[in-house]
Amino acid sequence: MVRRLTPQHQLTLTQGSVLGELVRNGPRRMSVLAELEGVRQPSMTDLVRRLTRLGLVTRRMDPEDRRAVLIEATEAGRRYIEELVLAREEFLRERLSAMGPAERAAIEAALPALRQLVDPAERAKWEES
């Protein structure tokens, strides 16, 4: 819902997830990104190609294995994620401030149950933020 209501940020969910992974955890091999996102390598190659055209990621040779390529967020990619996070935080702040204390308490009480719905990998991302 927050993503829908912050339209200035128009990456797909998977593109945003990959870019966020690269910003949070540094360069990754294409195969690792594909595995993390649960997609096949050709799909990840296409996705990375689109992010490269947008100037959000770059490819470079892996110094540990010259046959492999590392994908890395550019400065523009890092700024994009930072702006996205700030926009979503502001959106949520505005929405929460418009609620009464009882509504905010209900949301706070529901958070532990909502976290249980998130798979372990996603839960780790939430706990880092």
N, C-alpha and C. Protein backbone atom coordinates (compact mmCIF):
# COMPACT_ATOMS: atom_id res chain seq x y z
N MET A 1 0.82 -1.19 0.00
CA MET A 1 0.00 0.00 0.00
C MET A 1 0.87 1.26 0.00
N VAL A 2 1.89 1.29 0.84
CA VAL A 2 2.76 2.46 0.88
C VAL A 2 3.40 2.66 -0.48
N ARG A 3 3.81 1.56 -1.11
CA ARG A 3 4.46 1.66 -2.42
C ARG A 3 3.52 2.26 -3.45
N ARG A 4 2.26 1.83 -3.44
CA ARG A 4 1.29 2.37 -4.39
C ARG A 4 1.09 3.86 -4.20
N LEU A 5 1.18 4.31 -2.98
CA LEU A 5 0.89 5.71 -2.68
C LEU A 5 2.13 6.59 -2.70
N THR A 6 3.26 6.05 -3.09
CA THR A 6 4.46 6.85 -3.30
C THR A 6 4.90 6.65 -4.75
N PRO A 7 4.12 7.17 -5.71
CA PRO A 7 4.31 6.86 -7.13
C PRO A 7 5.59 7.42 -7.75
N GLN A 8 6.28 8.33 -7.08
CA GLN A 8 7.50 8.86 -7.68
C GLN A 8 8.59 7.79 -7.75
N HIS A 9 8.38 6.68 -7.10
CA HIS A 9 9.37 5.60 -7.08
C HIS A 9 8.79 4.42 -7.85
N GLN A 10 9.16 4.29 -9.12
CA GLN A 10 8.46 3.38 -10.01
C GLN A 10 9.21 2.11 -10.38
N LEU A 11 10.12 1.64 -9.57
CA LEU A 11 10.70 0.33 -9.84
C LEU A 11 9.68 -0.73 -9.49
N THR A 12 9.80 -1.90 -10.12
CA THR A 12 8.95 -3.02 -9.72
C THR A 12 9.38 -3.46 -8.32
N LEU A 13 8.56 -4.27 -7.69
CA LEU A 13 8.92 -4.77 -6.36
C LEU A 13 10.24 -5.54 -6.40
N THR A 14 10.42 -6.37 -7.42
CA THR A 14 11.65 -7.16 -7.51
C THR A 14 12.85 -6.27 -7.78
N GLN A 15 12.70 -5.29 -8.67
CA GLN A 15 13.81 -4.37 -8.93
C GLN A 15 14.20 -3.62 -7.65
N GLY A 16 13.19 -3.14 -6.93
CA GLY A 16 13.46 -2.43 -5.68
C GLY A 16 14.10 -3.33 -4.65
N SER A 17 13.66 -4.58 -4.60
CA SER A 17 14.22 -5.54 -3.65
C SER A 17 15.69 -5.82 -3.96
N VAL A 18 16.00 -6.01 -5.23
CA VAL A 18 17.39 -6.27 -5.64
C VAL A 18 18.26 -5.06 -5.34
N LEU A 19 17.79 -3.88 -5.70
CA LEU A 19 18.57 -2.67 -5.44
C LEU A 19 18.77 -2.48 -3.94
N GLY A 20 17.73 -2.71 -3.16
CA GLY A 20 17.85 -2.61 -1.71
C GLY A 20 18.86 -3.60 -1.15
N GLU A 21 18.85 -4.82 -1.67
CA GLU A 21 19.82 -5.84 -1.25
C GLU A 21 21.24 -5.38 -1.52
N LEU A 22 21.46 -4.82 -2.70
CA LEU A 22 22.80 -4.35 -3.06
C LEU A 22 23.24 -3.17 -2.20
N VAL A 23 22.31 -2.28 -1.90
CA VAL A 23 22.63 -1.13 -1.05
C VAL A 23 22.95 -1.59 0.37
N ARG A 24 22.14 -2.51 0.90
CA ARG A 24 22.33 -2.98 2.28
C ARG A 24 23.56 -3.87 2.44
N ASN A 25 23.79 -4.76 1.49
CA ASN A 25 24.79 -5.82 1.69
C ASN A 25 25.96 -5.80 0.72
N GLY A 26 26.02 -4.82 -0.14
CA GLY A 26 27.16 -4.70 -1.04
C GLY A 26 27.02 -5.56 -2.29
N PRO A 27 28.08 -5.60 -3.10
CA PRO A 27 28.05 -6.31 -4.37
C PRO A 27 27.68 -7.79 -4.21
N ARG A 28 26.95 -8.29 -5.19
CA ARG A 28 26.52 -9.70 -5.20
C ARG A 28 26.68 -10.25 -6.61
N ARG A 29 26.90 -11.55 -6.67
CA ARG A 29 26.89 -12.24 -7.97
C ARG A 29 25.44 -12.36 -8.44
N MET A 30 25.30 -12.42 -9.75
CA MET A 30 23.98 -12.55 -10.35
C MET A 30 23.26 -13.79 -9.82
N SER A 31 23.98 -14.89 -9.67
CA SER A 31 23.37 -16.13 -9.20
C SER A 31 22.83 -15.98 -7.78
N VAL A 32 23.53 -15.23 -6.94
CA VAL A 32 23.08 -15.01 -5.56
C VAL A 32 21.81 -14.17 -5.57
N LEU A 33 21.78 -13.12 -6.39
CA LEU A 33 20.58 -12.28 -6.47
C LEU A 33 19.39 -13.09 -6.97
N ALA A 34 19.61 -13.93 -7.97
CA ALA A 34 18.52 -14.76 -8.50
C ALA A 34 17.99 -15.68 -7.42
N GLU A 35 18.88 -16.29 -6.67
CA GLU A 35 18.45 -17.19 -5.60
C GLU A 35 17.68 -16.44 -4.51
N LEU A 36 18.18 -15.28 -4.11
CA LEU A 36 17.51 -14.49 -3.07
C LEU A 36 16.10 -14.09 -3.49
N GLU A 37 15.92 -13.78 -4.77
CA GLU A 37 14.62 -13.33 -5.26
C GLU A 37 13.73 -14.48 -5.74
N GLY A 38 14.30 -15.68 -5.81
CA GLY A 38 13.50 -16.82 -6.24
C GLY A 38 13.15 -16.78 -7.71
N VAL A 39 14.09 -16.27 -8.53
CA VAL A 39 13.87 -16.22 -9.98
C VAL A 39 15.01 -16.94 -10.67
N ARG A 40 14.81 -17.25 -11.95
CA ARG A 40 15.86 -17.91 -12.72
C ARG A 40 16.89 -16.88 -13.16
N GLN A 41 18.09 -17.35 -13.42
CA GLN A 41 19.19 -16.45 -13.77
C GLN A 41 18.88 -15.57 -15.00
N PRO A 42 18.27 -16.10 -16.08
CA PRO A 42 17.96 -15.21 -17.22
C PRO A 42 17.03 -14.05 -16.83
N SER A 43 16.09 -14.31 -15.94
CA SER A 43 15.21 -13.23 -15.47
C SER A 43 16.00 -12.19 -14.70
N MET A 44 16.92 -12.64 -13.86
CA MET A 44 17.75 -11.71 -13.09
C MET A 44 18.65 -10.91 -14.02
N THR A 45 19.17 -11.56 -15.06
CA THR A 45 20.01 -10.86 -16.02
C THR A 45 19.23 -9.72 -16.67
N ASP A 46 17.98 -9.97 -17.07
CA ASP A 46 17.14 -8.92 -17.66
C ASP A 46 16.88 -7.80 -16.66
N LEU A 47 16.59 -8.17 -15.43
CA LEU A 47 16.31 -7.18 -14.40
C LEU A 47 17.53 -6.29 -14.16
N VAL A 48 18.71 -6.90 -14.05
CA VAL A 48 19.94 -6.14 -13.83
C VAL A 48 20.23 -5.26 -15.03
N ARG A 49 19.95 -5.74 -16.22
CA ARG A 49 20.15 -4.94 -17.43
C ARG A 49 19.30 -3.66 -17.36
N ARG A 50 18.05 -3.79 -16.91
CA ARG A 50 17.17 -2.62 -16.78
C ARG A 50 17.71 -1.65 -15.72
N LEU A 51 18.14 -2.19 -14.58
CA LEU A 51 18.69 -1.33 -13.52
C LEU A 51 19.97 -0.64 -13.99
N THR A 52 20.75 -1.33 -14.81
CA THR A 52 21.98 -0.74 -15.36
C THR A 52 21.64 0.41 -16.29
N ARG A 53 20.65 0.20 -17.16
CA ARG A 53 20.23 1.27 -18.08
C ARG A 53 19.73 2.50 -17.32
N LEU A 54 19.12 2.28 -16.16
CA LEU A 54 18.64 3.39 -15.33
C LEU A 54 19.77 4.05 -14.54
N GLY A 55 20.97 3.46 -14.60
CA GLY A 55 22.11 4.02 -13.89
C GLY A 55 22.12 3.71 -12.40
N LEU A 56 21.35 2.70 -11.98
CA LEU A 56 21.23 2.38 -10.56
C LEU A 56 22.20 1.30 -10.09
N VAL A 57 22.70 0.49 -11.03
CA VAL A 57 23.69 -0.54 -10.70
C VAL A 57 24.76 -0.58 -11.79
N THR A 58 25.89 -1.16 -11.43
CA THR A 58 26.95 -1.42 -12.41
C THR A 58 27.38 -2.87 -12.26
N ARG A 59 28.04 -3.35 -13.30
CA ARG A 59 28.61 -4.70 -13.29
C ARG A 59 30.12 -4.54 -13.26
N ARG A 60 30.77 -5.43 -12.53
CA ARG A 60 32.24 -5.45 -12.54
C ARG A 60 32.71 -6.88 -12.34
N MET A 61 33.93 -7.12 -12.76
CA MET A 61 34.49 -8.46 -12.64
C MET A 61 34.69 -8.78 -11.16
N ASP A 62 34.42 -10.03 -10.81
CA ASP A 62 34.65 -10.51 -9.45
C ASP A 62 36.14 -10.76 -9.29
N PRO A 63 36.83 -10.06 -8.37
CA PRO A 63 38.27 -10.27 -8.23
C PRO A 63 38.64 -11.67 -7.76
N GLU A 64 37.70 -12.38 -7.15
CA GLU A 64 37.97 -13.74 -6.68
C GLU A 64 37.77 -14.79 -7.77
N ASP A 65 37.01 -14.45 -8.80
CA ASP A 65 36.75 -15.37 -9.91
C ASP A 65 36.51 -14.53 -11.15
N ARG A 66 37.51 -14.39 -11.97
CA ARG A 66 37.43 -13.49 -13.13
C ARG A 66 36.34 -13.88 -14.12
N ARG A 67 35.81 -15.09 -14.02
CA ARG A 67 34.72 -15.50 -14.91
C ARG A 67 33.38 -14.97 -14.44
N ALA A 68 33.31 -14.60 -13.18
CA ALA A 68 32.05 -14.15 -12.58
C ALA A 68 31.96 -12.62 -12.58
N VAL A 69 30.72 -12.15 -12.51
CA VAL A 69 30.45 -10.72 -12.51
C VAL A 69 29.75 -10.36 -11.20
N LEU A 70 30.17 -9.24 -10.62
CA LEU A 70 29.49 -8.72 -9.44
C LEU A 70 28.60 -7.56 -9.85
N ILE A 71 27.44 -7.49 -9.24
CA ILE A 71 26.51 -6.39 -9.47
C ILE A 71 26.61 -5.50 -8.24
N GLU A 72 26.72 -4.19 -8.48
CA GLU A 72 26.93 -3.25 -7.38
C GLU A 72 26.03 -2.03 -7.58
N ALA A 73 25.46 -1.52 -6.49
CA ALA A 73 24.66 -0.30 -6.56
C ALA A 73 25.57 0.89 -6.84
N THR A 74 25.11 1.78 -7.70
CA THR A 74 25.84 3.02 -7.96
C THR A 74 25.45 4.04 -6.88
N GLU A 75 26.11 5.17 -6.90
CA GLU A 75 25.73 6.25 -5.99
C GLU A 75 24.28 6.65 -6.24
N ALA A 76 23.87 6.69 -7.52
CA ALA A 76 22.48 7.01 -7.85
C ALA A 76 21.53 5.96 -7.28
N GLY A 77 21.94 4.70 -7.31
CA GLY A 77 21.13 3.63 -6.74
C GLY A 77 20.99 3.76 -5.24
N ARG A 78 22.09 4.12 -4.58
CA ARG A 78 22.04 4.32 -3.13
C ARG A 78 21.13 5.50 -2.78
N ARG A 79 21.24 6.59 -3.54
CA ARG A 79 20.37 7.75 -3.30
C ARG A 79 18.91 7.39 -3.53
N TYR A 80 18.66 6.60 -4.58
CA TYR A 80 17.29 6.19 -4.89
C TYR A 80 16.67 5.47 -3.70
N ILE A 81 17.39 4.49 -3.15
CA ILE A 81 16.87 3.74 -2.00
C ILE A 81 16.70 4.66 -0.80
N GLU A 82 17.66 5.53 -0.57
CA GLU A 82 17.55 6.47 0.56
C GLU A 82 16.31 7.35 0.42
N GLU A 83 16.08 7.89 -0.78
CA GLU A 83 14.91 8.74 -1.01
C GLU A 83 13.62 7.94 -0.88
N LEU A 84 13.64 6.71 -1.35
CA LEU A 84 12.46 5.85 -1.24
C LEU A 84 12.12 5.59 0.22
N VAL A 85 13.11 5.25 1.00
CA VAL A 85 12.89 4.99 2.43
C VAL A 85 12.36 6.24 3.12
N LEU A 86 12.97 7.39 2.83
CA LEU A 86 12.51 8.64 3.45
C LEU A 86 11.07 8.96 3.05
N ALA A 87 10.73 8.77 1.78
CA ALA A 87 9.36 9.05 1.32
C ALA A 87 8.36 8.13 2.00
N ARG A 88 8.71 6.86 2.13
CA ARG A 88 7.79 5.92 2.78
C ARG A 88 7.67 6.20 4.27
N GLU A 89 8.78 6.55 4.91
CA GLU A 89 8.72 6.90 6.33
C GLU A 89 7.84 8.13 6.55
N GLU A 90 8.00 9.13 5.69
CA GLU A 90 7.18 10.34 5.80
C GLU A 90 5.71 10.02 5.59
N PHE A 91 5.42 9.19 4.60
CA PHE A 91 4.03 8.79 4.34
C PHE A 91 3.44 8.13 5.59
N LEU A 92 4.18 7.19 6.16
CA LEU A 92 3.68 6.49 7.35
C LEU A 92 3.54 7.43 8.54
N ARG A 93 4.51 8.33 8.71
CA ARG A 93 4.44 9.30 9.80
C ARG A 93 3.17 10.15 9.69
N GLU A 94 2.88 10.62 8.48
CA GLU A 94 1.68 11.43 8.27
C GLU A 94 0.42 10.64 8.58
N ARG A 95 0.37 9.40 8.09
CA ARG A 95 -0.81 8.58 8.33
C ARG A 95 -0.98 8.26 9.81
N LEU A 96 0.11 7.91 10.47
CA LEU A 96 0.03 7.56 11.90
C LEU A 96 -0.33 8.77 12.75
N SER A 97 0.18 9.94 12.38
CA SER A 97 -0.12 11.13 13.18
C SER A 97 -1.59 11.53 13.06
N ALA A 98 -2.24 11.11 11.99
CA ALA A 98 -3.66 11.42 11.81
C ALA A 98 -4.55 10.47 12.62
N MET A 99 -3.97 9.41 13.16
CA MET A 99 -4.75 8.43 13.94
C MET A 99 -4.79 8.84 15.41
N GLY A 100 -5.80 8.35 16.06
CA GLY A 100 -5.92 8.57 17.49
C GLY A 100 -5.05 7.59 18.26
N PRO A 101 -4.88 7.84 19.56
CA PRO A 101 -4.04 6.96 20.39
C PRO A 101 -4.51 5.50 20.38
N ALA A 102 -5.81 5.27 20.37
CA ALA A 102 -6.32 3.89 20.38
C ALA A 102 -5.95 3.16 19.09
N GLU A 103 -6.06 3.86 17.95
CA GLU A 103 -5.70 3.24 16.67
C GLU A 103 -4.21 2.94 16.61
N ARG A 104 -3.39 3.87 17.08
CA ARG A 104 -1.93 3.63 17.09
C ARG A 104 -1.58 2.46 18.02
N ALA A 105 -2.24 2.37 19.15
CA ALA A 105 -2.00 1.26 20.08
C ALA A 105 -2.39 -0.07 19.45
N ALA A 106 -3.50 -0.07 18.70
CA ALA A 106 -3.94 -1.30 18.03
C ALA A 106 -2.91 -1.75 17.00
N ILE A 107 -2.37 -0.80 16.25
CA ILE A 107 -1.34 -1.14 15.26
C ILE A 107 -0.10 -1.68 15.96
N GLU A 108 0.31 -1.02 17.02
CA GLU A 108 1.49 -1.48 17.77
C GLU A 108 1.28 -2.88 18.33
N ALA A 109 0.08 -3.16 18.82
CA ALA A 109 -0.22 -4.49 19.37
C ALA A 109 -0.21 -5.56 18.28
N ALA A 110 -0.55 -5.18 17.05
CA ALA A 110 -0.61 -6.15 15.95
C ALA A 110 0.75 -6.45 15.34
N LEU A 111 1.74 -5.61 15.58
CA LEU A 111 3.05 -5.79 14.93
C LEU A 111 3.69 -7.15 15.17
N PRO A 112 3.71 -7.69 16.39
CA PRO A 112 4.33 -9.02 16.56
C PRO A 112 3.66 -10.10 15.70
N ALA A 113 2.35 -10.07 15.62
CA ALA A 113 1.65 -11.07 14.80
C ALA A 113 1.96 -10.87 13.32
N LEU A 114 2.03 -9.62 12.89
CA LEU A 114 2.35 -9.34 11.49
C LEU A 114 3.76 -9.81 11.15
N ARG A 115 4.69 -9.65 12.08
CA ARG A 115 6.07 -10.10 11.83
C ARG A 115 6.12 -11.61 11.63
N GLN A 116 5.24 -12.34 12.30
CA GLN A 116 5.21 -13.80 12.15
C GLN A 116 4.76 -14.22 10.75
N LEU A 117 4.06 -13.33 10.05
CA LEU A 117 3.61 -13.63 8.69
C LEU A 117 4.74 -13.52 7.66
N VAL A 118 5.77 -12.81 8.03
CA VAL A 118 6.87 -12.54 7.12
C VAL A 118 7.85 -13.71 7.19
N ASP A 119 8.33 -14.16 6.02
CA ASP A 119 9.27 -15.29 6.04
C ASP A 119 10.59 -14.87 6.70
N PRO A 120 11.42 -15.83 7.11
CA PRO A 120 12.64 -15.51 7.86
C PRO A 120 13.57 -14.52 7.15
N ALA A 121 13.74 -14.64 5.84
CA ALA A 121 14.64 -13.73 5.13
C ALA A 121 14.09 -12.31 5.17
N GLU A 122 12.79 -12.18 4.94
CA GLU A 122 12.17 -10.87 5.00
C GLU A 122 12.18 -10.32 6.41
N ARG A 123 11.97 -11.18 7.39
CA ARG A 123 11.97 -10.75 8.78
C ARG A 123 13.33 -10.15 9.14
N ALA A 124 14.41 -10.76 8.65
CA ALA A 124 15.75 -10.23 8.93
C ALA A 124 15.90 -8.82 8.36
N LYS A 125 15.34 -8.58 7.17
CA LYS A 125 15.41 -7.24 6.58
C LYS A 125 14.68 -6.23 7.47
N TRP A 126 13.51 -6.62 7.99
CA TRP A 126 12.72 -5.71 8.83
C TRP A 126 13.46 -5.42 10.12
N GLU A 127 14.09 -6.44 10.70
CA GLU A 127 14.75 -6.26 11.99
C GLU A 127 16.00 -5.40 11.86
N GLU A 128 16.61 -5.36 10.66
CA GLU A 128 17.78 -4.52 10.44
C GLU A 128 17.41 -3.05 10.41
N SER A 129 16.17 -2.74 9.96
CA SER A 129 15.81 -1.33 9.81
C SER A 129 15.34 -0.71 11.09
